[in-house]
């Protein structure tokens, strides 16, 4: 069963702050998500693409208050003072250092990604194992101890 691509209407239904954004603008951001979200996301595929689309929209200055802050950051503003209001913005990459820390949608996307794909994978065969990503490794010891 093919996974459902979100539509601009889906993004607007999930995140009403983008209701006034042109569908073609939203679709371009949806298209951009293909490099980050693939069918490995399973049941969370559509939601992940919607979150990432919203993150891109906000980073591009579209949407509500989060978009205003993103536009200040893009302009290099770190502090804003007006009368008694004095606001200091967090750094571009927040405490986690992720590119997704800059928007609320990006943080939700990152949390979803961490839940689905996070943590080390430990493999081994009694030779001490290997903690890391599940990938082909160029080391003989990673393939059943051959060459040890």
Protein backbone atom coordinates (compact mmCIF):
# COMPACT_ATOMS: atom_id res chain seq x y z
CA UNK A 1 0.00 0.00 0.00
CA UNK A 2 1.57 3.32 -1.04
CA UNK A 3 2.05 5.93 1.64
CA UNK A 4 -0.14 9.04 1.44
CA UNK A 5 1.57 12.26 0.44
CA UNK A 6 0.26 15.22 2.41
CA UNK A 7 -1.54 17.87 0.39
CA UNK A 8 -1.57 21.61 1.02
CA UNK A 9 -5.11 21.13 2.40
CA UNK A 10 -3.77 18.54 4.88
CA UNK A 11 -1.05 20.92 6.07
CA UNK A 12 -3.61 23.73 6.48
CA UNK A 13 -5.98 21.42 8.39
CA UNK A 14 -3.21 20.29 10.77
CA UNK A 15 -1.68 23.75 11.14
CA UNK A 16 -4.32 26.49 10.65
CA UNK A 17 -1.71 29.26 10.89
CA UNK A 18 -0.88 28.46 7.24
CA UNK A 19 -4.50 28.85 6.04
CA UNK A 20 -3.64 32.03 4.12
CA UNK A 21 -0.54 30.59 2.44
CA UNK A 22 -0.94 29.81 -1.26
CA UNK A 23 -1.26 26.08 -2.03
CA UNK A 24 1.56 26.22 -4.59
CA UNK A 25 3.92 27.64 -1.95
CA UNK A 26 3.01 24.84 0.46
CA UNK A 27 3.36 22.21 -2.29
CA UNK A 28 6.91 23.36 -3.03
CA UNK A 29 7.81 22.79 0.65
CA UNK A 30 6.09 19.38 0.61
CA UNK A 31 8.18 18.43 -2.42
CA UNK A 32 11.33 19.46 -0.54
CA UNK A 33 10.61 16.91 2.22
CA UNK A 34 11.43 13.94 -0.05
CA UNK A 35 15.12 14.22 0.81
CA UNK A 36 14.39 13.77 4.54
CA UNK A 37 11.32 11.51 4.77
CA UNK A 38 11.00 8.21 2.94
CA UNK A 39 8.82 5.13 3.33
CA UNK A 40 10.98 3.99 6.28
CA UNK A 41 8.86 6.30 8.44
CA UNK A 42 5.93 3.87 8.09
CA UNK A 43 2.67 5.03 9.67
CA UNK A 44 4.24 8.38 10.61
CA UNK A 45 5.19 9.19 7.00
CA UNK A 46 2.41 11.71 6.27
CA UNK A 47 2.65 13.41 9.67
CA UNK A 48 6.45 13.68 9.41
CA UNK A 49 6.18 15.30 5.98
CA UNK A 50 3.53 17.72 7.28
CA UNK A 51 5.72 18.71 10.26
CA UNK A 52 8.76 19.19 8.06
CA UNK A 53 6.69 21.22 5.58
CA UNK A 54 5.50 23.48 8.42
CA UNK A 55 9.12 23.84 9.62
CA UNK A 56 10.22 24.94 6.14
CA UNK A 57 7.30 27.37 5.86
CA UNK A 58 8.16 29.02 9.17
CA UNK A 59 11.85 29.22 8.31
CA UNK A 60 10.81 31.00 5.13
CA UNK A 61 8.86 33.56 7.17
CA UNK A 62 5.36 32.19 6.52
CA UNK A 63 2.82 31.49 9.25
CA UNK A 64 2.27 32.98 12.70
CA UNK A 65 4.49 34.30 15.47
CA UNK A 66 7.06 31.54 15.08
CA UNK A 67 7.63 32.78 11.52
CA UNK A 68 8.22 36.32 12.77
CA UNK A 69 10.93 35.08 15.11
CA UNK A 70 12.46 33.03 12.29
CA UNK A 71 12.58 36.11 10.07
CA UNK A 72 14.35 38.07 12.86
CA UNK A 73 16.90 35.26 13.19
CA UNK A 74 17.44 35.19 9.43
CA UNK A 75 18.17 38.93 9.56
CA UNK A 76 20.72 38.35 12.33
CA UNK A 77 18.64 39.88 15.14
CA UNK A 78 19.52 38.39 18.53
CA UNK A 79 17.76 40.91 20.77
CA UNK A 80 14.65 43.05 20.38
CA UNK A 81 13.69 45.88 22.73
CA UNK A 82 10.61 48.05 22.44
CA UNK A 83 9.54 50.12 25.44
CA UNK A 84 9.32 47.74 28.38
CA UNK A 85 9.46 44.66 26.14
CA UNK A 86 12.95 43.18 25.97
CA UNK A 87 13.36 39.84 24.15
CA UNK A 88 16.56 37.89 23.57
CA UNK A 89 16.29 35.12 20.99
CA UNK A 90 17.83 31.71 21.43
CA UNK A 91 20.77 30.82 19.24
CA UNK A 92 20.12 29.52 15.71
CA UNK A 93 20.87 25.96 16.80
CA UNK A 94 19.36 25.42 20.23
CA UNK A 95 20.63 23.27 23.07
CA UNK A 96 20.48 20.11 20.99
CA UNK A 97 22.42 21.71 18.15
CA UNK A 98 19.95 20.44 15.56
CA UNK A 99 18.98 22.36 12.45
CA UNK A 100 15.40 21.64 13.53
CA UNK A 101 15.68 23.57 16.82
CA UNK A 102 14.73 26.83 15.12
CA UNK A 103 10.96 26.16 14.97
CA UNK A 104 8.37 24.37 17.09
CA UNK A 105 7.53 22.16 14.10
CA UNK A 106 11.17 21.29 13.57
CA UNK A 107 11.52 20.26 17.23
CA UNK A 108 8.44 18.04 16.91
CA UNK A 109 9.83 16.55 13.68
CA UNK A 110 13.19 15.90 15.37
CA UNK A 111 11.49 14.24 18.37
CA UNK A 112 9.53 11.98 16.02
CA UNK A 113 12.69 11.15 14.09
CA UNK A 114 14.55 10.36 17.33
CA UNK A 115 11.71 8.12 18.50
CA UNK A 116 11.65 6.19 15.24
CA UNK A 117 15.35 6.05 14.40
CA UNK A 118 17.29 7.12 17.48
CA UNK A 119 19.68 5.27 19.70
CA UNK A 120 22.61 3.05 18.95
CA UNK A 121 22.20 -0.35 17.42
CA UNK A 122 24.48 -2.94 18.95
CA UNK A 123 25.50 -5.93 16.90
CA UNK A 124 28.11 -8.50 17.57
CA UNK A 125 29.03 -12.14 17.68
CA UNK A 126 30.94 -12.50 20.90
CA UNK A 127 33.93 -10.51 19.66
CA UNK A 128 32.99 -7.41 21.61
CA UNK A 129 30.27 -6.24 19.27
CA UNK A 130 29.95 -2.94 17.53
CA UNK A 131 27.81 -0.01 18.67
CA UNK A 132 26.70 2.17 15.81
CA UNK A 133 24.53 2.40 12.76
CA UNK A 134 23.31 -0.66 10.93
CA UNK A 135 25.44 -0.36 7.83
CA UNK A 136 28.12 -2.19 5.91
CA UNK A 137 31.40 -1.61 7.67
CA UNK A 138 34.82 -1.94 6.10
CA UNK A 139 36.22 -3.77 9.13
CA UNK A 140 36.75 -7.53 9.15
CA UNK A 141 35.79 -7.77 12.83
CA UNK A 142 32.34 -6.43 12.05
CA UNK A 143 31.66 -9.44 9.83
CA UNK A 144 31.80 -12.31 12.27
CA UNK A 145 35.37 -11.88 13.41
CA UNK A 146 36.92 -12.83 10.07
CA UNK A 147 40.52 -11.71 10.02
CA UNK A 148 40.90 -11.37 13.80
